Amino acid sequence: MPVTSAIRRKIRAFLDPGDEIQYVFPADLRGSVTPSVLFVVTDRSITVLSTGLWSRRKPRSVLAVNPRNQRIGPVEVGSLTPWFEFNGMEYEVDDEYVAVVNAADADLRRRDAAPPDPLPDL
C-alpha cells in the first residue's frame, strides 16, 4: 500500500527544510524489538525514521541520516521475505516495495552517470 500524503506531511517535520521527498517505504529491522522503520529518500539524503511499536506508518523519531550518494539495495528476493542490508543492518521489505528500493538506487546510478557540467559558474 503506498504511503499516503498525510504520512508524507508528518515525515516532512523530520527532514531538513528544502528536502524534496522522492521515495518513501516501510521496512522491518530484522531481530529488533521495535522493528518498523520508514526509509525516506530525498534529493539530498536517506533518512531512516522510527515508527514505534504500534504503527508501521507513523514516524516517531530519526534513527539515521545518510548521504544520498549511498545505495540502499540490492534487495535479496530469493528468501521468504525480500531483504537488504543498509549500514550494516538487515531490513525486510514487503514485495510491493522492492521496486521502490530498486527505483531509488536506479535514480542514483542515473545521477552519477550524468556528465559533469562544463560551465558550472554560469
PDB file of N, CA and C in Angstrom:
ATOM      1  N   MET A   1       0.845  -1.179   0.000  1.00  0.00           N
ATOM      2  CA  MET A   1       0.000   0.000   0.000  1.00  0.00           C
ATOM      3  C   MET A   1       0.892   1.244   0.000  1.00  0.00           C
ATOM      4  N   PRO A   2       0.681   2.172  -0.908  1.00  0.00           N
ATOM      5  CA  PRO A   2       1.500   3.380  -0.963  1.00  0.00           C
ATOM      6  C   PRO A   2       1.383   4.215   0.314  1.00  0.00           C
ATOM      7  N   VAL A   3       2.426   4.960   0.585  1.00  0.00           N
ATOM      8  CA  VAL A   3       2.430   5.852   1.739  1.00  0.00           C
ATOM      9  C   VAL A   3       1.560   7.060   1.395  1.00  0.00           C
ATOM     10  N   THR A   4       0.623   7.382   2.260  1.00  0.00           N
ATOM     11  CA  THR A   4      -0.355   8.438   1.980  1.00  0.00           C
ATOM     12  C   THR A   4       0.257   9.833   2.075  1.00  0.00           C
ATOM     13  N   SER A   5      -0.459  10.798   1.531  1.00  0.00           N
ATOM     14  CA  SER A   5       0.001  12.188   1.601  1.00  0.00           C
ATOM     15  C   SER A   5      -0.002  12.689   3.044  1.00  0.00           C
ATOM     16  N   ALA A   6      -0.909  12.203   3.874  1.00  0.00           N
ATOM     17  CA  ALA A   6      -0.934  12.607   5.287  1.00  0.00           C
ATOM     18  C   ALA A   6       0.340  12.156   5.999  1.00  0.00           C
ATOM     19  N   ILE A   7       0.792  10.954   5.711  1.00  0.00           N
ATOM     20  CA  ILE A   7       2.029  10.463   6.330  1.00  0.00           C
ATOM     21  C   ILE A   7       3.227  11.219   5.770  1.00  0.00           C
ATOM     22  N   ARG A   8       3.202  11.526   4.489  1.00  0.00           N
ATOM     23  CA  ARG A   8       4.296  12.317   3.908  1.00  0.00           C
ATOM     24  C   ARG A   8       4.397  13.688   4.579  1.00  0.00           C
ATOM     25  N   ARG A   9       3.266  14.287   4.920  1.00  0.00           N
ATOM     26  CA  ARG A   9       3.288  15.577   5.638  1.00  0.00           C
ATOM     27  C   ARG A   9       3.952  15.411   7.003  1.00  0.00           C
ATOM     28  N   LYS A  10       3.647  14.334   7.701  1.00  0.00           N
ATOM     29  CA  LYS A  10       4.268  14.084   9.008  1.00  0.00           C
ATOM     30  C   LYS A  10       5.766  13.833   8.863  1.00  0.00           C
ATOM     31  N   ILE A  11       6.147  13.165   7.803  1.00  0.00           N
ATOM     32  CA  ILE A  11       7.562  12.880   7.556  1.00  0.00           C
ATOM     33  C   ILE A  11       8.343  14.172   7.361  1.00  0.00           C
ATOM     34  N   ARG A  12       7.761  15.140   6.674  1.00  0.00           N
ATOM     35  CA  ARG A  12       8.460  16.410   6.392  1.00  0.00           C
ATOM     36  C   ARG A  12       8.959  17.101   7.662  1.00  0.00           C
ATOM     37  N   ALA A  13       8.278  16.894   8.776  1.00  0.00           N
ATOM     38  CA  ALA A  13       8.701  17.502  10.042  1.00  0.00           C
ATOM     39  C   ALA A  13      10.068  16.990  10.490  1.00  0.00           C
ATOM     40  N   PHE A  14      10.490  15.836   9.995  1.00  0.00           N
ATOM     41  CA  PHE A  14      11.765  15.240  10.392  1.00  0.00           C
ATOM     42  C   PHE A  14      12.885  15.525   9.394  1.00  0.00           C
ATOM     43  N   LEU A  15      12.565  16.198   8.300  1.00  0.00           N
ATOM     44  CA  LEU A  15      13.546  16.462   7.253  1.00  0.00           C
ATOM     45  C   LEU A  15      14.054  17.892   7.327  1.00  0.00           C
ATOM     46  N   ASP A  16      15.173  18.131   6.662  1.00  0.00           N
ATOM     47  CA  ASP A  16      15.699  19.490   6.571  1.00  0.00           C
ATOM     48  C   ASP A  16      14.813  20.317   5.642  1.00  0.00           C
ATOM     49  N   PRO A  17      14.712  21.624   5.907  1.00  0.00           N
ATOM     50  CA  PRO A  17      13.935  22.480   5.005  1.00  0.00           C
ATOM     51  C   PRO A  17      14.492  22.389   3.582  1.00  0.00           C
ATOM     52  N   GLY A  18      13.611  22.306   2.633  1.00  0.00           N
ATOM     53  CA  GLY A  18      14.028  22.235   1.238  1.00  0.00           C
ATOM     54  C   GLY A  18      14.261  20.833   0.712  1.00  0.00           C
ATOM     55  N   ASP A  19      14.299  19.822   1.589  1.00  0.00           N
ATOM     56  CA  ASP A  19      14.454  18.446   1.116  1.00  0.00           C
ATOM     57  C   ASP A  19      13.223  18.042   0.311  1.00  0.00           C
ATOM     58  N   GLU A  20      13.438  17.470  -0.845  1.00  0.00           N
ATOM     59  CA  GLU A  20      12.348  17.014  -1.710  1.00  0.00           C
ATOM     60  C   GLU A  20      12.221  15.496  -1.585  1.00  0.00           C
ATOM     61  N   ILE A  21      11.081  15.035  -1.082  1.00  0.00           N
ATOM     62  CA  ILE A  21      10.866  13.598  -0.919  1.00  0.00           C
ATOM     63  C   ILE A  21      10.731  12.958  -2.298  1.00  0.00           C
ATOM     64  N   GLN A  22      11.551  11.938  -2.538  1.00  0.00           N
ATOM     65  CA  GLN A  22      11.486  11.202  -3.793  1.00  0.00           C
ATOM     66  C   GLN A  22      10.851   9.825  -3.611  1.00  0.00           C
ATOM     67  N   TYR A  23      11.220   9.130  -2.543  1.00  0.00           N
ATOM     68  CA  TYR A  23      10.700   7.789  -2.275  1.00  0.00           C
ATOM     69  C   TYR A  23      10.496   7.612  -0.779  1.00  0.00           C
ATOM     70  N   VAL A  24       9.447   6.876  -0.414  1.00  0.00           N
ATOM     71  CA  VAL A  24       9.189   6.508   0.980  1.00  0.00           C
ATOM     72  C   VAL A  24       8.720   5.058   0.980  1.00  0.00           C
ATOM     73  N   PHE A  25       9.280   4.259   1.881  1.00  0.00           N
ATOM     74  CA  PHE A  25       8.786   2.891   2.017  1.00  0.00           C
ATOM     75  C   PHE A  25       9.036   2.387   3.436  1.00  0.00           C
ATOM     76  N   PRO A  26       8.118   1.546   3.937  1.00  0.00           N
ATOM     77  CA  PRO A  26       8.310   0.943   5.255  1.00  0.00           C
ATOM     78  C   PRO A  26       9.196  -0.294   5.141  1.00  0.00           C
ATOM     79  N   ALA A  27       9.921  -0.568   6.209  1.00  0.00           N
ATOM     80  CA  ALA A  27      10.750  -1.772   6.286  1.00  0.00           C
ATOM     81  C   ALA A  27      10.773  -2.233   7.740  1.00  0.00           C
ATOM     82  N   ASP A  28      11.167  -3.477   7.936  1.00  0.00           N
ATOM     83  CA  ASP A  28      11.280  -4.035   9.284  1.00  0.00           C
ATOM     84  C   ASP A  28      12.719  -4.421   9.548  1.00  0.00           C
ATOM     85  N   LEU A  29      13.241  -3.970  10.666  1.00  0.00           N
ATOM     86  CA  LEU A  29      14.593  -4.307  11.083  1.00  0.00           C
ATOM     87  C   LEU A  29      14.580  -5.731  11.616  1.00  0.00           C
ATOM     88  N   ARG A  30      15.382  -6.593  11.029  1.00  0.00           N
ATOM     89  CA  ARG A  30      15.403  -7.998  11.437  1.00  0.00           C
ATOM     90  C   ARG A  30      15.949  -8.133  12.855  1.00  0.00           C
ATOM     91  N   GLY A  31      15.216  -8.895  13.686  1.00  0.00           N
ATOM     92  CA  GLY A  31      15.683  -9.219  15.027  1.00  0.00           C
ATOM     93  C   GLY A  31      15.597  -8.098  16.036  1.00  0.00           C
ATOM     94  N   SER A  32      14.771  -7.097  15.811  1.00  0.00           N
ATOM     95  CA  SER A  32      14.675  -5.964  16.728  1.00  0.00           C
ATOM     96  C   SER A  32      13.350  -5.991  17.480  1.00  0.00           C
ATOM     97  N   VAL A  33      13.366  -5.441  18.692  1.00  0.00           N
ATOM     98  CA  VAL A  33      12.149  -5.337  19.487  1.00  0.00           C
ATOM     99  C   VAL A  33      11.205  -4.302  18.873  1.00  0.00           C
ATOM    100  N   THR A  34      11.746  -3.221  18.357  1.00  0.00           N
ATOM    101  CA  THR A  34      10.948  -2.194  17.667  1.00  0.00           C
ATOM    102  C   THR A  34      11.344  -2.203  16.192  1.00  0.00           C
ATOM    103  N   PRO A  35      10.788  -3.140  15.435  1.00  0.00           N
ATOM    104  CA  PRO A  35      11.335  -3.399  14.108  1.00  0.00           C
ATOM    105  C   PRO A  35      10.954  -2.435  12.998  1.00  0.00           C
ATOM    106  N   SER A  36       9.856  -1.733  13.095  1.00  0.00           N
ATOM    107  CA  SER A  36       9.373  -0.988  11.934  1.00  0.00           C
ATOM    108  C   SER A  36      10.035   0.375  11.793  1.00  0.00           C
ATOM    109  N   VAL A  37      10.411   0.676  10.556  1.00  0.00           N
ATOM    110  CA  VAL A  37      11.020   1.961  10.223  1.00  0.00           C
ATOM    111  C   VAL A  37      10.437   2.441   8.900  1.00  0.00           C
ATOM    112  N   LEU A  38      10.647   3.702   8.617  1.00  0.00           N
ATOM    113  CA  LEU A  38      10.336   4.270   7.308  1.00  0.00           C
ATOM    114  C   LEU A  38      11.641   4.755   6.692  1.00  0.00           C
ATOM    115  N   PHE A  39      11.906   4.359   5.468  1.00  0.00           N
ATOM    116  CA  PHE A  39      13.024   4.900   4.710  1.00  0.00           C
ATOM    117  C   PHE A  39      12.485   6.063   3.895  1.00  0.00           C
ATOM    118  N   VAL A  40      13.133   7.209   4.006  1.00  0.00           N
ATOM    119  CA  VAL A  40      12.732   8.404   3.270  1.00  0.00           C
ATOM    120  C   VAL A  40      13.922   8.838   2.414  1.00  0.00           C
ATOM    121  N   VAL A  41      13.753   8.753   1.116  1.00  0.00           N
ATOM    122  CA  VAL A  41      14.808   9.134   0.184  1.00  0.00           C
ATOM    123  C   VAL A  41      14.456  10.505  -0.367  1.00  0.00           C
ATOM    124  N   THR A  42      15.352  11.465  -0.148  1.00  0.00           N
ATOM    125  CA  THR A  42      15.156  12.809  -0.680  1.00  0.00           C
ATOM    126  C   THR A  42      16.232  13.087  -1.717  1.00  0.00           C
ATOM    127  N   ASP A  43      16.209  14.275  -2.264  1.00  0.00           N
ATOM    128  CA  ASP A  43      17.231  14.660  -3.228  1.00  0.00           C
ATOM    129  C   ASP A  43      18.607  14.790  -2.584  1.00  0.00           C
ATOM    130  N   ARG A  44      18.669  14.898  -1.236  1.00  0.00           N
ATOM    131  CA  ARG A  44      19.945  15.109  -0.555  1.00  0.00           C
ATOM    132  C   ARG A  44      20.347  14.021   0.430  1.00  0.00           C
ATOM    133  N   SER A  45      19.384  13.194   0.878  1.00  0.00           N
ATOM    134  CA  SER A  45      19.708  12.242   1.944  1.00  0.00           C
ATOM    135  C   SER A  45      18.800  11.018   1.920  1.00  0.00           C
ATOM    136  N   ILE A  46      19.213  10.030   2.699  1.00  0.00           N
ATOM    137  CA  ILE A  46      18.375   8.870   3.006  1.00  0.00           C
ATOM    138  C   ILE A  46      18.190   8.904   4.513  1.00  0.00           C
ATOM    139  N   THR A  47      16.967   9.108   4.960  1.00  0.00           N
ATOM    140  CA  THR A  47      16.665   9.207   6.385  1.00  0.00           C
ATOM    141  C   THR A  47      15.872   7.981   6.804  1.00  0.00           C
ATOM    142  N   VAL A  48      16.282   7.390   7.924  1.00  0.00           N
ATOM    143  CA  VAL A  48      15.569   6.245   8.481  1.00  0.00           C
ATOM    144  C   VAL A  48      14.835   6.743   9.718  1.00  0.00           C
ATOM    145  N   LEU A  49      13.508   6.583   9.713  1.00  0.00           N
ATOM    146  CA  LEU A  49      12.665   7.056  10.807  1.00  0.00           C
ATOM    147  C   LEU A  49      12.091   5.881  11.587  1.00  0.00           C
ATOM    148  N   SER A  50      12.097   5.993  12.906  1.00  0.00           N
ATOM    149  CA  SER A  50      11.441   5.005  13.759  1.00  0.00           C
ATOM    150  C   SER A  50       9.938   5.224  13.691  1.00  0.00           C
ATOM    151  N   THR A  51       9.173   4.128  13.759  1.00  0.00           N
ATOM    152  CA  THR A  51       7.718   4.249  13.759  1.00  0.00           C
ATOM    153  C   THR A  51       7.096   3.755  15.053  1.00  0.00           C
ATOM    154  N   GLY A  52       7.889   3.300  15.997  1.00  0.00           N
ATOM    155  CA  GLY A  52       7.340   2.834  17.267  1.00  0.00           C
ATOM    156  C   GLY A  52       6.767   1.433  17.173  1.00  0.00           C
ATOM    157  N   LEU A  53       6.109   1.008  18.249  1.00  0.00           N
ATOM    158  CA  LEU A  53       5.616  -0.362  18.350  1.00  0.00           C
ATOM    159  C   LEU A  53       4.301  -0.619  17.632  1.00  0.00           C
ATOM    160  N   TRP A  54       3.388   0.330  17.641  1.00  0.00           N
ATOM    161  CA  TRP A  54       2.020   0.050  17.232  1.00  0.00           C
ATOM    162  C   TRP A  54       1.674   0.469  15.817  1.00  0.00           C
ATOM    163  N   SER A  55       2.512   1.225  15.173  1.00  0.00           N
ATOM    164  CA  SER A  55       2.191   1.684  13.825  1.00  0.00           C
ATOM    165  C   SER A  55       3.404   1.527  12.930  1.00  0.00           C
ATOM    166  N   ARG A  56       3.175   1.014  11.755  1.00  0.00           N
ATOM    167  CA  ARG A  56       4.255   0.858  10.794  1.00  0.00           C
ATOM    168  C   ARG A  56       4.412   2.099   9.924  1.00  0.00           C
ATOM    169  N   ARG A  57       3.497   3.032  10.035  1.00  0.00           N
ATOM    170  CA  ARG A  57       3.490   4.169   9.121  1.00  0.00           C
ATOM    171  C   ARG A  57       3.554   5.535   9.790  1.00  0.00           C
ATOM    172  N   LYS A  58       3.547   5.606  11.089  1.00  0.00           N
ATOM    173  CA  LYS A  58       3.564   6.907  11.760  1.00  0.00           C
ATOM    174  C   LYS A  58       4.976   7.200  12.279  1.00  0.00           C
ATOM    175  N   PRO A  59       5.661   8.178  11.696  1.00  0.00           N
ATOM    176  CA  PRO A  59       7.036   8.466  12.115  1.00  0.00           C
ATOM    177  C   PRO A  59       7.101   9.023  13.534  1.00  0.00           C
ATOM    178  N   ARG A  60       8.095   8.550  14.292  1.00  0.00           N
ATOM    179  CA  ARG A  60       8.268   8.982  15.686  1.00  0.00           C
ATOM    180  C   ARG A  60       9.574   9.743  15.918  1.00  0.00           C
ATOM    181  N   SER A  61      10.666   9.256  15.313  1.00  0.00           N
ATOM    182  CA  SER A  61      11.962   9.903  15.533  1.00  0.00           C
ATOM    183  C   SER A  61      12.928   9.515  14.417  1.00  0.00           C
ATOM    184  N   VAL A  62      14.021  10.269  14.323  1.00  0.00           N
ATOM    185  CA  VAL A  62      15.058   9.999  13.327  1.00  0.00           C
ATOM    186  C   VAL A  62      16.048   9.006  13.923  1.00  0.00           C
ATOM    187  N   LEU A  63      16.267   7.905  13.219  1.00  0.00           N
ATOM    188  CA  LEU A  63      17.269   6.929  13.639  1.00  0.00           C
ATOM    189  C   LEU A  63      18.610   7.184  12.969  1.00  0.00           C
ATOM    190  N   ALA A  64      18.581   7.584  11.693  1.00  0.00           N
ATOM    191  CA  ALA A  64      19.829   7.802  10.960  1.00  0.00           C
ATOM    192  C   ALA A  64      19.570   8.704   9.759  1.00  0.00           C
ATOM    193  N   VAL A  65      20.577   9.484   9.422  1.00  0.00           N
ATOM    194  CA  VAL A  65      20.560  10.300   8.204  1.00  0.00           C
ATOM    195  C   VAL A  65      21.837   9.971   7.447  1.00  0.00           C
ATOM    196  N   ASN A  66      21.689   9.592   6.193  1.00  0.00           N
ATOM    197  CA  ASN A  66      22.814   9.176   5.365  1.00  0.00           C
ATOM    198  C   ASN A  66      22.853  10.016   4.100  1.00  0.00           C
ATOM    199  N   PRO A  67      24.042  10.202   3.523  1.00  0.00           N
ATOM    200  CA  PRO A  67      24.123  10.969   2.281  1.00  0.00           C
ATOM    201  C   PRO A  67      23.407  10.245   1.143  1.00  0.00           C
ATOM    202  N   ARG A  68      22.900  10.994   0.203  1.00  0.00           N
ATOM    203  CA  ARG A  68      22.138  10.421  -0.908  1.00  0.00           C
ATOM    204  C   ARG A  68      23.011   9.626  -1.864  1.00  0.00           C
ATOM    205  N   ASN A  69      24.315   9.775  -1.782  1.00  0.00           N
ATOM    206  CA  ASN A  69      25.182   9.043  -2.705  1.00  0.00           C
ATOM    207  C   ASN A  69      25.380   7.585  -2.295  1.00  0.00           C
ATOM    208  N   GLN A  70      24.602   7.105  -1.365  1.00  0.00           N
ATOM    209  CA  GLN A  70      24.689   5.735  -0.873  1.00  0.00           C
ATOM    210  C   GLN A  70      23.533   4.906  -1.445  1.00  0.00           C
ATOM    211  N   ARG A  71      23.849   3.691  -1.898  1.00  0.00           N
ATOM    212  CA  ARG A  71      22.801   2.786  -2.384  1.00  0.00           C
ATOM    213  C   ARG A  71      22.079   2.149  -1.208  1.00  0.00           C
ATOM    214  N   ILE A  72      20.808   1.830  -1.397  1.00  0.00           N
ATOM    215  CA  ILE A  72      20.022   1.140  -0.375  1.00  0.00           C
ATOM    216  C   ILE A  72      20.126  -0.365  -0.580  1.00  0.00           C
ATOM    217  N   GLY A  73      19.976  -0.835  -1.801  1.00  0.00           N
ATOM    218  CA  GLY A  73      19.984  -2.263  -2.105  1.00  0.00           C
ATOM    219  C   GLY A  73      21.367  -2.788  -2.354  1.00  0.00           C
ATOM    220  N   PRO A  74      21.470  -3.925  -2.968  1.00  0.00           N
ATOM    221  CA  PRO A  74      20.426  -4.652  -3.667  1.00  0.00           C
ATOM    222  C   PRO A  74      19.505  -5.410  -2.713  1.00  0.00           C
ATOM    223  N   VAL A  75      18.296  -5.644  -3.172  1.00  0.00           N
ATOM    224  CA  VAL A  75      17.325  -6.411  -2.398  1.00  0.00           C
ATOM    225  C   VAL A  75      17.476  -7.881  -2.766  1.00  0.00           C
ATOM    226  N   GLU A  76      17.633  -8.702  -1.751  1.00  0.00           N
ATOM    227  CA  GLU A  76      17.705 -10.154  -1.942  1.00  0.00           C
ATOM    228  C   GLU A  76      16.278 -10.687  -1.966  1.00  0.00           C
ATOM    229  N   VAL A  77      15.874 -11.281  -3.079  1.00  0.00           N
ATOM    230  CA  VAL A  77      14.492 -11.740  -3.216  1.00  0.00           C
ATOM    231  C   VAL A  77      14.364 -13.256  -3.200  1.00  0.00           C
ATOM    232  N   GLY A  78      15.437 -13.979  -2.992  1.00  0.00           N
ATOM    233  CA  GLY A  78      15.400 -15.434  -3.030  1.00  0.00           C
ATOM    234  C   GLY A  78      14.863 -16.077  -1.767  1.00  0.00           C
ATOM    235  N   SER A  79      14.697 -15.321  -0.695  1.00  0.00           N
ATOM    236  CA  SER A  79      14.210 -15.889   0.559  1.00  0.00           C
ATOM    237  C   SER A  79      12.704 -15.668   0.678  1.00  0.00           C
ATOM    238  N   LEU A  80      12.147 -16.103   1.795  1.00  0.00           N
ATOM    239  CA  LEU A  80      10.707 -15.977   2.018  1.00  0.00           C
ATOM    240  C   LEU A  80      10.257 -14.515   1.958  1.00  0.00           C
ATOM    241  N   THR A  81      11.011 -13.638   2.616  1.00  0.00           N
ATOM    242  CA  THR A  81      10.715 -12.205   2.615  1.00  0.00           C
ATOM    243  C   THR A  81      11.898 -11.459   2.009  1.00  0.00           C
ATOM    244  N   PRO A  82      11.668 -10.575   1.041  1.00  0.00           N
ATOM    245  CA  PRO A  82      12.771  -9.794   0.483  1.00  0.00           C
ATOM    246  C   PRO A  82      13.472  -8.986   1.580  1.00  0.00           C
ATOM    247  N   TRP A  83      14.796  -8.876   1.472  1.00  0.00           N
ATOM    248  CA  TRP A  83      15.551  -8.140   2.480  1.00  0.00           C
ATOM    249  C   TRP A  83      16.757  -7.473   1.822  1.00  0.00           C
ATOM    250  N   PHE A  84      17.299  -6.481   2.534  1.00  0.00           N
ATOM    251  CA  PHE A  84      18.505  -5.797   2.079  1.00  0.00           C
ATOM    252  C   PHE A  84      19.319  -5.393   3.298  1.00  0.00           C
ATOM    253  N   GLU A  85      20.589  -5.124   3.058  1.00  0.00           N
ATOM    254  CA  GLU A  85      21.471  -4.647   4.123  1.00  0.00           C
ATOM    255  C   GLU A  85      21.785  -3.185   3.855  1.00  0.00           C
ATOM    256  N   PHE A  86      21.640  -2.370   4.888  1.00  0.00           N
ATOM    257  CA  PHE A  86      21.920  -0.942   4.774  1.00  0.00           C
ATOM    258  C   PHE A  86      22.641  -0.503   6.039  1.00  0.00           C
ATOM    259  N   ASN A  87      23.833   0.042   5.890  1.00  0.00           N
ATOM    260  CA  ASN A  87      24.653   0.481   7.028  1.00  0.00           C
ATOM    261  C   ASN A  87      24.863  -0.625   8.055  1.00  0.00           C
ATOM    262  N   GLY A  88      25.065  -1.839   7.575  1.00  0.00           N
ATOM    263  CA  GLY A  88      25.356  -2.952   8.468  1.00  0.00           C
ATOM    264  C   GLY A  88      24.147  -3.572   9.146  1.00  0.00           C
ATOM    265  N   MET A  89      22.962  -3.068   8.861  1.00  0.00           N
ATOM    266  CA  MET A  89      21.731  -3.611   9.447  1.00  0.00           C
ATOM    267  C   MET A  89      20.927  -4.292   8.341  1.00  0.00           C
ATOM    268  N   GLU A  90      20.221  -5.360   8.709  1.00  0.00           N
ATOM    269  CA  GLU A  90      19.387  -6.062   7.741  1.00  0.00           C
ATOM    270  C   GLU A  90      17.927  -5.663   7.925  1.00  0.00           C
ATOM    271  N   TYR A  91      17.294  -5.345   6.806  1.00  0.00           N
ATOM    272  CA  TYR A  91      15.897  -4.917   6.803  1.00  0.00           C
ATOM    273  C   TYR A  91      15.093  -5.822   5.882  1.00  0.00           C
ATOM    274  N   GLU A  92      13.876  -6.142   6.302  1.00  0.00           N
ATOM    275  CA  GLU A  92      12.932  -6.850   5.444  1.00  0.00           C
ATOM    276  C   GLU A  92      11.958  -5.829   4.869  1.00  0.00           C
ATOM    277  N   VAL A  93      11.533  -6.103   3.640  1.00  0.00           N
ATOM    278  CA  VAL A  93      10.616  -5.186   2.966  1.00  0.00           C
ATOM    279  C   VAL A  93       9.539  -6.020   2.269  1.00  0.00           C
ATOM    280  N   ASP A  94       8.325  -5.523   2.248  1.00  0.00           N
ATOM    281  CA  ASP A  94       7.246  -6.219   1.547  1.00  0.00           C
ATOM    282  C   ASP A  94       7.541  -6.264   0.049  1.00  0.00           C
ATOM    283  N   ASP A  95       7.019  -7.291  -0.605  1.00  0.00           N
ATOM    284  CA  ASP A  95       7.241  -7.465  -2.048  1.00  0.00           C
ATOM    285  C   ASP A  95       6.925  -6.207  -2.848  1.00  0.00           C
ATOM    286  N   GLU A  96       5.865  -5.511  -2.472  1.00  0.00           N
ATOM    287  CA  GLU A  96       5.439  -4.345  -3.247  1.00  0.00           C
ATOM    288  C   GLU A  96       6.439  -3.193  -3.203  1.00  0.00           C
ATOM    289  N   TYR A  97       7.360  -3.198  -2.225  1.00  0.00           N
ATOM    290  CA  TYR A  97       8.325  -2.106  -2.104  1.00  0.00           C
ATOM    291  C   TYR A  97       9.694  -2.432  -2.694  1.00  0.00           C
ATOM    292  N   VAL A  98       9.884  -3.647  -3.189  1.00  0.00           N
ATOM    293  CA  VAL A  98      11.152  -3.997  -3.836  1.00  0.00           C
ATOM    294  C   VAL A  98      11.405  -3.063  -5.014  1.00  0.00           C
ATOM    295  N   ALA A  99      10.382  -2.787  -5.790  1.00  0.00           N
ATOM    296  CA  ALA A  99      10.523  -1.885  -6.942  1.00  0.00           C
ATOM    297  C   ALA A  99      10.877  -0.465  -6.506  1.00  0.00           C
ATOM    298  N   VAL A 100      10.395  -0.038  -5.353  1.00  0.00           N
ATOM    299  CA  VAL A 100      10.703   1.305  -4.850  1.00  0.00           C
ATOM    300  C   VAL A 100      12.188   1.401  -4.497  1.00  0.00           C
ATOM    301  N   VAL A 101      12.709   0.383  -3.801  1.00  0.00           N
ATOM    302  CA  VAL A 101      14.140   0.362  -3.459  1.00  0.00           C
ATOM    303  C   VAL A 101      14.968   0.364  -4.741  1.00  0.00           C
ATOM    304  N   ASN A 102      14.596  -0.473  -5.688  1.00  0.00           N
ATOM    305  CA  ASN A 102      15.337  -0.537  -6.952  1.00  0.00           C
ATOM    306  C   ASN A 102      15.275   0.782  -7.719  1.00  0.00           C
ATOM    307  N   ALA A 103      14.129   1.450  -7.694  1.00  0.00           N
ATOM    308  CA  ALA A 103      13.996   2.744  -8.380  1.00  0.00           C
ATOM    309  C   ALA A 103      14.876   3.807  -7.725  1.00  0.00           C
ATOM    310  N   ALA A 104      14.922   3.820  -6.398  1.00  0.00           N
ATOM    311  CA  ALA A 104      15.775   4.790  -5.693  1.00  0.00           C
ATOM    312  C   ALA A 104      17.240   4.574  -6.052  1.00  0.00           C
ATOM    313  N   ASP A 105      17.661   3.311  -6.112  1.00  0.00           N
ATOM    314  CA  ASP A 105      19.042   3.021  -6.488  1.00  0.00           C
ATOM    315  C   ASP A 105      19.304   3.349  -7.955  1.00  0.00           C
ATOM    316  N   ALA A 106      18.322   3.107  -8.819  1.00  0.00           N
ATOM    317  CA  ALA A 106      18.482   3.423 -10.242  1.00  0.00           C
ATOM    318  C   ALA A 106      18.610   4.933 -10.453  1.00  0.00           C
ATOM    319  N   ASP A 107      17.851   5.720  -9.708  1.00  0.00           N
ATOM    320  CA  ASP A 107      17.974   7.179  -9.802  1.00  0.00           C
ATOM    321  C   ASP A 107      19.376   7.631  -9.433  1.00  0.00           C
ATOM    322  N   LEU A 108      19.947   7.005  -8.435  1.00  0.00           N
ATOM    323  CA  LEU A 108      21.302   7.353  -8.008  1.00  0.00           C
ATOM    324  C   LEU A 108      22.301   7.022  -9.112  1.00  0.00           C
ATOM    325  N   ARG A 109      22.145   5.866  -9.735  1.00  0.00           N
ATOM    326  CA  ARG A 109      23.048   5.488 -10.827  1.00  0.00           C
ATOM    327  C   ARG A 109      22.915   6.453 -12.001  1.00  0.00           C
ATOM    328  N   ARG A 110      21.678   6.861 -12.332  1.00  0.00           N
ATOM    329  CA  ARG A 110      21.472   7.820 -13.430  1.00  0.00           C
ATOM    330  C   ARG A 110      22.129   9.154 -13.114  1.00  0.00           C
ATOM    331  N   ARG A 111      22.000   9.593 -11.883  1.00  0.00           N
ATOM    332  CA  ARG A 111      22.579  10.878 -11.489  1.00  0.00           C
ATOM    333  C   ARG A 111      24.104  10.823 -11.566  1.00  0.00           C
ATOM    334  N   ASP A 112      24.686   9.685 -11.138  1.00  0.00           N
ATOM    335  CA  ASP A 112      26.139   9.531 -11.181  1.00  0.00           C
ATOM    336  C   ASP A 112      26.663   9.403 -12.607  1.00  0.00           C
ATOM    337  N   ALA A 113      25.818   8.920 -13.520  1.00  0.00           N
ATOM    338  CA  ALA A 113      26.244   8.710 -14.899  1.00  0.00           C
ATOM    339  C   ALA A 113      26.217   9.996 -15.722  1.00  0.00           C
ATOM    340  N   ALA A 114      25.578  11.017 -15.226  1.00  0.00           N
ATOM    341  CA  ALA A 114      25.494  12.276 -15.969  1.00  0.00           C
ATOM    342  C   ALA A 114      26.881  12.908 -16.073  1.00  0.00           C
ATOM    343  N   PRO A 115      27.187  13.482 -17.219  1.00  0.00           N
ATOM    344  CA  PRO A 115      28.495  14.131 -17.360  1.00  0.00           C
ATOM    345  C   PRO A 115      28.570  15.384 -16.489  1.00  0.00           C
ATOM    346  N   PRO A 116      29.771  15.751 -16.076  1.00  0.00           N
ATOM    347  CA  PRO A 116      29.900  16.969 -15.268  1.00  0.00           C
ATOM    348  C   PRO A 116      29.530  18.211 -16.080  1.00  0.00           C
ATOM    349  N   ASP A 117      29.032  19.203 -15.397  1.00  0.00           N
ATOM    350  CA  ASP A 117      28.663  20.462 -16.036  1.00  0.00           C
ATOM    351  C   ASP A 117      29.937  21.145 -16.525  1.00  0.00           C
ATOM    352  N   PRO A 118      30.065  21.405 -17.835  1.00  0.00           N
ATOM    353  CA  PRO A 118      31.291  22.024 -18.344  1.00  0.00           C
ATOM    354  C   PRO A 118      31.420  23.497 -17.950  1.00  0.00           C
ATOM    355  N   LEU A 119      30.307  24.139 -17.607  1.00  0.00           N
ATOM    356  CA  LEU A 119      30.329  25.553 -17.233  1.00  0.00           C
ATOM    357  C   LEU A 119      29.572  25.743 -15.915  1.00  0.00           C
ATOM    358  N   PRO A 120      30.100  25.249 -14.815  1.00  0.00           N
ATOM    359  CA  PRO A 120      29.355  25.290 -13.556  1.00  0.00           C
ATOM    360  C   PRO A 120      29.149  26.693 -12.990  1.00  0.00           C
ATOM    361  N   ASP A 121      29.934  27.665 -13.439  1.00  0.00           N
ATOM    362  CA  ASP A 121      29.832  29.012 -12.873  1.00  0.00           C
ATOM    363  C   ASP A 121      28.858  29.915 -13.627  1.00  0.00           C
ATOM    364  N   LEU A 122      28.229  29.410 -14.659  1.00  0.00           N
ATOM    365  CA  LEU A 122      27.292  30.246 -15.422  1.00  0.00           C
ATOM    366  C   LEU A 122      25.929  30.244 -14.815  1.00  0.00           C
TER     367      LEU A 122
END
